[in-house]
């Protein structure tokens, strides 16, 4: 069965380009388009969608609020934020709103297609290199990055020392493979740790782990608050 994709962007030319790329894939189908958040929410009421490619800066209703409203629904489609990065200061808020990941608008087609397939299967699509660049820029804006420290989160006490190490590395943008190499573990073991972390902290995905780590002050722009072993 094809992955049903919706394109949400106020620039028709960009939507046309993305549609052409996706149309050439045997496992993907563009089933809907919208030029702003209000239209997107209306279309989603009557159209079955698996993955939404969401612009952030749009008229009427921006991508952050649109993403939040989509993700509040039961059985909501996955949302991938598309951002220009240098101009867009809403990407992190969109991740907090429930987006499954983000990518730059000039991403190579192969990476975009891989991201759609990954998020459809339940994986995160936040590329480690992009994570580091984005967080280095936006982390100072988060509540946990001031001199007073982050918000307390009692659930953190449920984590084992190893799980806390994994949280720090996830928050720095490392993939499961990179974490496995850093901690001398198998990738399967790292995946198990990540699953337990999500359960203990009551988080949806590793994107929310990143957000939580920065908000609570576990990590700050440029690296963790303390060394990992």
Foldseek 3Di string as FASTA:
>chain_A
DAAEEEEEALDPVLVVVLQVLQVVDPRYDHPYYYNALVVVVVVVVPDDHAEYEAEADGPPHGRQVSLLVQVVDPPGHAYEYEYCLVPDPCVLSSVVSPHLYYDYSPDPSVLVVVQSVQVSVPAGSHALVNLLVNQLPRLCVAQQNDPVGADDDVLVVVDDLVLLLLLQVLLNRDDLVRVCVVVVHDSVVSVVSQVVVCVSSVHRHSSVSNVVCSRRQQCGRPGGPDDRD
